[in-house]
PDB file of N, CA and C in Angstrom:
ATOM      1  N   MET A   1      -8.629  -2.936   7.033  1.00  0.00           N
ATOM      2  CA  MET A   1      -8.104  -2.278   6.097  1.00  0.00           C
ATOM      3  C   MET A   1      -8.939  -2.325   4.949  1.00  0.00           C
ATOM      4  N   THR A   2      -9.027  -1.108   4.234  1.00  0.00           N
ATOM      5  CA  THR A   2      -9.945  -0.976   2.938  1.00  0.00           C
ATOM      6  C   THR A   2      -9.024  -0.608   1.970  1.00  0.00           C
ATOM      7  N   ILE A   3      -9.262  -1.268   0.780  1.00  0.00           N
ATOM      8  CA  ILE A   3      -8.694  -0.900  -0.538  1.00  0.00           C
ATOM      9  C   ILE A   3      -9.440   0.206  -1.185  1.00  0.00           C
ATOM     10  N   VAL A   4      -8.812   1.267  -1.659  1.00  0.00           N
ATOM     11  CA  VAL A   4      -9.465   2.304  -2.159  1.00  0.00           C
ATOM     12  C   VAL A   4      -8.723   2.693  -3.533  1.00  0.00           C
ATOM     13  N   ASN A   5      -9.357   3.352  -4.275  1.00  0.00           N
ATOM     14  CA  ASN A   5      -8.811   3.949  -5.421  1.00  0.00           C
ATOM     15  C   ASN A   5      -7.616   4.975  -5.205  1.00  0.00           C
ATOM     16  N   LEU A   6      -6.634   4.993  -6.008  1.00  0.00           N
ATOM     17  CA  LEU A   6      -5.489   5.796  -5.883  1.00  0.00           C
ATOM     18  C   LEU A   6      -6.005   7.269  -6.071  1.00  0.00           C
ATOM     19  N   LYS A   7      -6.843   7.320  -6.801  1.00  0.00           N
ATOM     20  CA  LYS A   7      -7.410   8.902  -7.156  1.00  0.00           C
ATOM     21  C   LYS A   7      -8.029   9.344  -5.865  1.00  0.00           C
ATOM     22  N   GLU A   8      -8.698   8.489  -5.140  1.00  0.00           N
ATOM     23  CA  GLU A   8      -9.339   8.903  -3.915  1.00  0.00           C
ATOM     24  C   GLU A   8      -8.175   9.337  -2.889  1.00  0.00           C
ATOM     25  N   ILE A   9      -6.975   8.780  -2.735  1.00  0.00           N
ATOM     26  CA  ILE A   9      -6.049   8.894  -1.763  1.00  0.00           C
ATOM     27  C   ILE A   9      -5.519  10.210  -2.108  1.00  0.00           C
ATOM     28  N   LEU A  10      -5.207  10.333  -3.429  1.00  0.00           N
ATOM     29  CA  LEU A  10      -4.245  11.536  -3.859  1.00  0.00           C
ATOM     30  C   LEU A  10      -5.399  12.913  -3.646  1.00  0.00           C
ATOM     31  N   LYS A  11      -6.414  12.723  -3.862  1.00  0.00           N
ATOM     32  CA  LYS A  11      -7.509  13.842  -3.644  1.00  0.00           C
ATOM     33  C   LYS A  11      -7.409  14.295  -2.404  1.00  0.00           C
ATOM     34  N   ASP A  12      -7.586  13.276  -1.373  1.00  0.00           N
ATOM     35  CA  ASP A  12      -7.464  13.638   0.096  1.00  0.00           C
ATOM     36  C   ASP A  12      -6.233  14.276   0.541  1.00  0.00           C
ATOM     37  N   THR A  13      -4.925  13.685   0.041  1.00  0.00           N
ATOM     38  CA  THR A  13      -3.721  14.193   0.410  1.00  0.00           C
ATOM     39  C   THR A  13      -3.506  15.778  -0.131  1.00  0.00           C
ATOM     40  N   GLU A  14      -4.139  15.942  -1.373  1.00  0.00           N
ATOM     41  CA  GLU A  14      -4.116  17.312  -1.652  1.00  0.00           C
ATOM     42  C   GLU A  14      -5.013  18.273  -0.969  1.00  0.00           C
ATOM     43  N   LYS A  15      -6.159  17.740  -0.528  1.00  0.00           N
ATOM     44  CA  LYS A  15      -6.941  18.552   0.468  1.00  0.00           C
ATOM     45  C   LYS A  15      -6.513  18.737   1.668  1.00  0.00           C
ATOM     46  N   LYS A  16      -5.839  17.876   2.308  1.00  0.00           N
ATOM     47  CA  LYS A  16      -5.362  17.875   3.673  1.00  0.00           C
ATOM     48  C   LYS A  16      -3.962  18.105   3.728  1.00  0.00           C
ATOM     49  N   LYS A  17      -3.202  18.281   2.801  1.00  0.00           N
ATOM     50  CA  LYS A  17      -1.727  18.623   2.720  1.00  0.00           C
ATOM     51  C   LYS A  17      -0.940  17.560   3.554  1.00  0.00           C
ATOM     52  N   TYR A  18      -1.018  16.324   3.009  1.00  0.00           N
ATOM     53  CA  TYR A  18      -0.059  15.373   3.693  1.00  0.00           C
ATOM     54  C   TYR A  18       0.362  14.449   2.511  1.00  0.00           C
ATOM     55  N   ALA A  19       1.437  13.566   2.776  1.00  0.00           N
ATOM     56  CA  ALA A  19       1.973  12.554   2.030  1.00  0.00           C
ATOM     57  C   ALA A  19       1.527  11.333   2.308  1.00  0.00           C
ATOM     58  N   VAL A  20       1.742  10.360   1.278  1.00  0.00           N
ATOM     59  CA  VAL A  20       1.448   8.827   1.569  1.00  0.00           C
ATOM     60  C   VAL A  20       2.635   8.321   0.983  1.00  0.00           C
ATOM     61  N   GLY A  21       3.363   7.295   1.723  1.00  0.00           N
ATOM     62  CA  GLY A  21       4.249   6.591   1.321  1.00  0.00           C
ATOM     63  C   GLY A  21       3.979   5.442   0.390  1.00  0.00           C
ATOM     64  N   CYS A  22       5.050   5.379  -0.631  1.00  0.00           N
ATOM     65  CA  CYS A  22       4.688   4.277  -1.596  1.00  0.00           C
ATOM     66  C   CYS A  22       6.024   3.201  -1.322  1.00  0.00           C
ATOM     67  N   PHE A  23       5.694   1.987  -1.168  1.00  0.00           N
ATOM     68  CA  PHE A  23       6.742   1.007  -0.736  1.00  0.00           C
ATOM     69  C   PHE A  23       6.638  -0.062  -1.905  1.00  0.00           C
ATOM     70  N   ASN A  24       7.845  -0.361  -2.355  1.00  0.00           N
ATOM     71  CA  ASN A  24       7.953  -1.497  -3.316  1.00  0.00           C
ATOM     72  C   ASN A  24       8.016  -2.839  -2.530  1.00  0.00           C
ATOM     73  N   VAL A  25       7.315  -3.669  -3.042  1.00  0.00           N
ATOM     74  CA  VAL A  25       7.200  -4.938  -2.291  1.00  0.00           C
ATOM     75  C   VAL A  25       7.679  -6.041  -3.237  1.00  0.00           C
ATOM     76  N   VAL A  26       8.251  -7.069  -2.602  1.00  0.00           N
ATOM     77  CA  VAL A  26       8.938  -8.213  -3.456  1.00  0.00           C
ATOM     78  C   VAL A  26       8.247  -9.574  -3.064  1.00  0.00           C
ATOM     79  N   ASN A  27       7.422  -9.685  -1.936  1.00  0.00           N
ATOM     80  CA  ASN A  27       7.198 -10.969  -1.569  1.00  0.00           C
ATOM     81  C   ASN A  27       5.932 -10.811  -0.460  1.00  0.00           C
ATOM     82  N   TYR A  28       5.310 -11.789  -0.060  1.00  0.00           N
ATOM     83  CA  TYR A  28       4.205 -11.736   0.786  1.00  0.00           C
ATOM     84  C   TYR A  28       4.554 -11.156   2.186  1.00  0.00           C
ATOM     85  N   ASP A  29       5.821 -11.409   2.569  1.00  0.00           N
ATOM     86  CA  ASP A  29       6.347 -10.970   3.963  1.00  0.00           C
ATOM     87  C   ASP A  29       6.242  -9.400   3.962  1.00  0.00           C
ATOM     88  N   SER A  30       6.897  -8.964   2.882  1.00  0.00           N
ATOM     89  CA  SER A  30       6.960  -7.344   2.768  1.00  0.00           C
ATOM     90  C   SER A  30       5.534  -6.801   2.664  1.00  0.00           C
ATOM     91  N   VAL A  31       4.728  -7.384   1.927  1.00  0.00           N
ATOM     92  CA  VAL A  31       3.308  -6.822   1.936  1.00  0.00           C
ATOM     93  C   VAL A  31       2.696  -6.959   3.317  1.00  0.00           C
ATOM     94  N   LYS A  32       2.777  -7.971   3.968  1.00  0.00           N
ATOM     95  CA  LYS A  32       2.263  -8.120   5.304  1.00  0.00           C
ATOM     96  C   LYS A  32       2.767  -7.245   6.216  1.00  0.00           C
ATOM     97  N   GLY A  33       4.126  -7.162   6.192  1.00  0.00           N
ATOM     98  CA  GLY A  33       4.733  -6.075   7.417  1.00  0.00           C
ATOM     99  C   GLY A  33       4.439  -4.591   7.124  1.00  0.00           C
ATOM    100  N   ILE A  34       4.271  -4.212   5.800  1.00  0.00           N
ATOM    101  CA  ILE A  34       3.771  -2.968   5.437  1.00  0.00           C
ATOM    102  C   ILE A  34       2.491  -2.695   5.854  1.00  0.00           C
ATOM    103  N   LEU A  35       1.556  -3.668   5.557  1.00  0.00           N
ATOM    104  CA  LEU A  35       0.018  -3.436   5.850  1.00  0.00           C
ATOM    105  C   LEU A  35      -0.081  -3.402   7.342  1.00  0.00           C
ATOM    106  N   LEU A  36       0.697  -4.422   8.023  1.00  0.00           N
ATOM    107  CA  LEU A  36       0.517  -4.238   9.553  1.00  0.00           C
ATOM    108  C   LEU A  36       0.926  -3.057  10.185  1.00  0.00           C
ATOM    109  N   ALA A  37       1.953  -2.379   9.688  1.00  0.00           N
ATOM    110  CA  ALA A  37       2.462  -1.257  10.215  1.00  0.00           C
ATOM    111  C   ALA A  37       1.557   0.048   9.890  1.00  0.00           C
ATOM    112  N   ALA A  38       0.836   0.009   8.578  1.00  0.00           N
ATOM    113  CA  ALA A  38      -0.102   0.960   8.060  1.00  0.00           C
ATOM    114  C   ALA A  38      -1.246   0.953   8.957  1.00  0.00           C
ATOM    115  N   GLU A  39      -1.953  -0.258   9.343  1.00  0.00           N
ATOM    116  CA  GLU A  39      -2.879  -0.552  10.042  1.00  0.00           C
ATOM    117  C   GLU A  39      -2.804   0.081  11.622  1.00  0.00           C
ATOM    118  N   LYS A  40      -1.656  -0.342  11.997  1.00  0.00           N
ATOM    119  CA  LYS A  40      -1.174   0.239  13.508  1.00  0.00           C
ATOM    120  C   LYS A  40      -1.172   1.749  13.446  1.00  0.00           C
ATOM    121  N   MET A  41      -0.700   2.338  12.569  1.00  0.00           N
ATOM    122  CA  MET A  41      -0.468   3.734  12.420  1.00  0.00           C
ATOM    123  C   MET A  41      -1.891   4.523  11.861  1.00  0.00           C
ATOM    124  N   ARG A  42      -2.684   3.654  11.556  1.00  0.00           N
ATOM    125  CA  ARG A  42      -3.826   4.083  10.952  1.00  0.00           C
ATOM    126  C   ARG A  42      -3.571   5.171   9.642  1.00  0.00           C
ATOM    127  N   SER A  43      -2.686   4.638   8.865  1.00  0.00           N
ATOM    128  CA  SER A  43      -2.213   5.397   7.911  1.00  0.00           C
ATOM    129  C   SER A  43      -2.296   4.733   6.416  1.00  0.00           C
ATOM    130  N   PRO A  44      -2.730   5.406   5.479  1.00  0.00           N
ATOM    131  CA  PRO A  44      -2.704   4.941   4.141  1.00  0.00           C
ATOM    132  C   PRO A  44      -1.344   4.645   3.674  1.00  0.00           C
ATOM    133  N   VAL A  45      -1.334   3.661   2.734  1.00  0.00           N
ATOM    134  CA  VAL A  45       0.002   3.337   2.087  1.00  0.00           C
ATOM    135  C   VAL A  45      -0.221   2.986   0.621  1.00  0.00           C
ATOM    136  N   ILE A  46       0.747   3.095  -0.220  1.00  0.00           N
ATOM    137  CA  ILE A  46       0.656   2.916  -1.790  1.00  0.00           C
ATOM    138  C   ILE A  46       1.587   1.514  -1.763  1.00  0.00           C
ATOM    139  N   LEU A  47       1.187   0.415  -2.258  1.00  0.00           N
ATOM    140  CA  LEU A  47       2.040  -0.654  -2.557  1.00  0.00           C
ATOM    141  C   LEU A  47       2.603  -0.757  -3.913  1.00  0.00           C
ATOM    142  N   GLY A  48       3.698  -0.864  -4.225  1.00  0.00           N
ATOM    143  CA  GLY A  48       4.186  -0.794  -5.602  1.00  0.00           C
ATOM    144  C   GLY A  48       4.911  -2.255  -5.690  1.00  0.00           C
ATOM    145  N   ILE A  49       4.607  -2.988  -6.936  1.00  0.00           N
ATOM    146  CA  ILE A  49       5.348  -4.150  -7.226  1.00  0.00           C
ATOM    147  C   ILE A  49       5.577  -4.215  -8.592  1.00  0.00           C
ATOM    148  N   ALA A  50       6.811  -4.680  -9.045  1.00  0.00           N
ATOM    149  CA  ALA A  50       7.144  -5.038 -10.521  1.00  0.00           C
ATOM    150  C   ALA A  50       6.310  -6.061 -11.027  1.00  0.00           C
ATOM    151  N   GLU A  51       6.100  -6.206 -12.160  1.00  0.00           N
ATOM    152  CA  GLU A  51       5.251  -7.045 -12.814  1.00  0.00           C
ATOM    153  C   GLU A  51       5.898  -8.446 -12.885  1.00  0.00           C
ATOM    154  N   VAL A  52       7.299  -8.441 -12.826  1.00  0.00           N
ATOM    155  CA  VAL A  52       7.862  -9.785 -13.033  1.00  0.00           C
ATOM    156  C   VAL A  52       7.873 -10.595 -11.310  1.00  0.00           C
ATOM    157  N   GLN A  53       7.547  -9.648 -10.394  1.00  0.00           N
ATOM    158  CA  GLN A  53       7.374 -10.311  -9.042  1.00  0.00           C
ATOM    159  C   GLN A  53       5.972 -10.608  -8.782  1.00  0.00           C
ATOM    160  N   LEU A  54       5.197 -10.565  -9.570  1.00  0.00           N
ATOM    161  CA  LEU A  54       3.549 -10.716  -9.127  1.00  0.00           C
ATOM    162  C   LEU A  54       3.470 -12.296  -9.089  1.00  0.00           C
ATOM    163  N   LYS A  55       4.412 -13.107  -9.759  1.00  0.00           N
ATOM    164  CA  LYS A  55       4.256 -14.424  -9.440  1.00  0.00           C
ATOM    165  C   LYS A  55       4.535 -14.845  -8.041  1.00  0.00           C
ATOM    166  N   ASP A  56       5.378 -14.116  -7.370  1.00  0.00           N
ATOM    167  CA  ASP A  56       6.030 -14.390  -6.122  1.00  0.00           C
ATOM    168  C   ASP A  56       5.073 -13.923  -4.835  1.00  0.00           C
ATOM    169  N   VAL A  57       3.970 -13.243  -5.247  1.00  0.00           N
ATOM    170  CA  VAL A  57       3.183 -12.583  -4.109  1.00  0.00           C
ATOM    171  C   VAL A  57       1.791 -13.294  -4.333  1.00  0.00           C
ATOM    172  N   CYS A  58       1.091 -14.023  -3.280  1.00  0.00           N
ATOM    173  CA  CYS A  58      -0.061 -14.467  -3.333  1.00  0.00           C
ATOM    174  C   CYS A  58      -0.999 -13.377  -2.684  1.00  0.00           C
ATOM    175  N   PHE A  59      -2.133 -12.930  -3.412  1.00  0.00           N
ATOM    176  CA  PHE A  59      -2.964 -11.809  -3.038  1.00  0.00           C
ATOM    177  C   PHE A  59      -4.456 -12.494  -2.525  1.00  0.00           C
ATOM    178  N   GLU A  60      -4.407 -13.766  -2.575  1.00  0.00           N
ATOM    179  CA  GLU A  60      -5.657 -14.488  -2.233  1.00  0.00           C
ATOM    180  C   GLU A  60      -6.099 -14.555  -0.966  1.00  0.00           C
ATOM    181  N   SER A  61      -5.115 -14.256  -0.060  1.00  0.00           N
ATOM    182  CA  SER A  61      -5.356 -14.615   1.576  1.00  0.00           C
ATOM    183  C   SER A  61      -6.277 -13.602   2.129  1.00  0.00           C
TER     184      SER A  61
END
């Protein structure tokens, strides 16, 4: 999995005419599930999280 700038993703979507899903995450399990599915499908995703939920998700792993 590669983390890229949103601008890069959107530039590619415009060029190749496809959409990227944005998924709201609320905890580590939702992040893990979405990323595993995205890797399996070899598809980019956008993860969204509310600032108040940042304390519930550990991004250090």
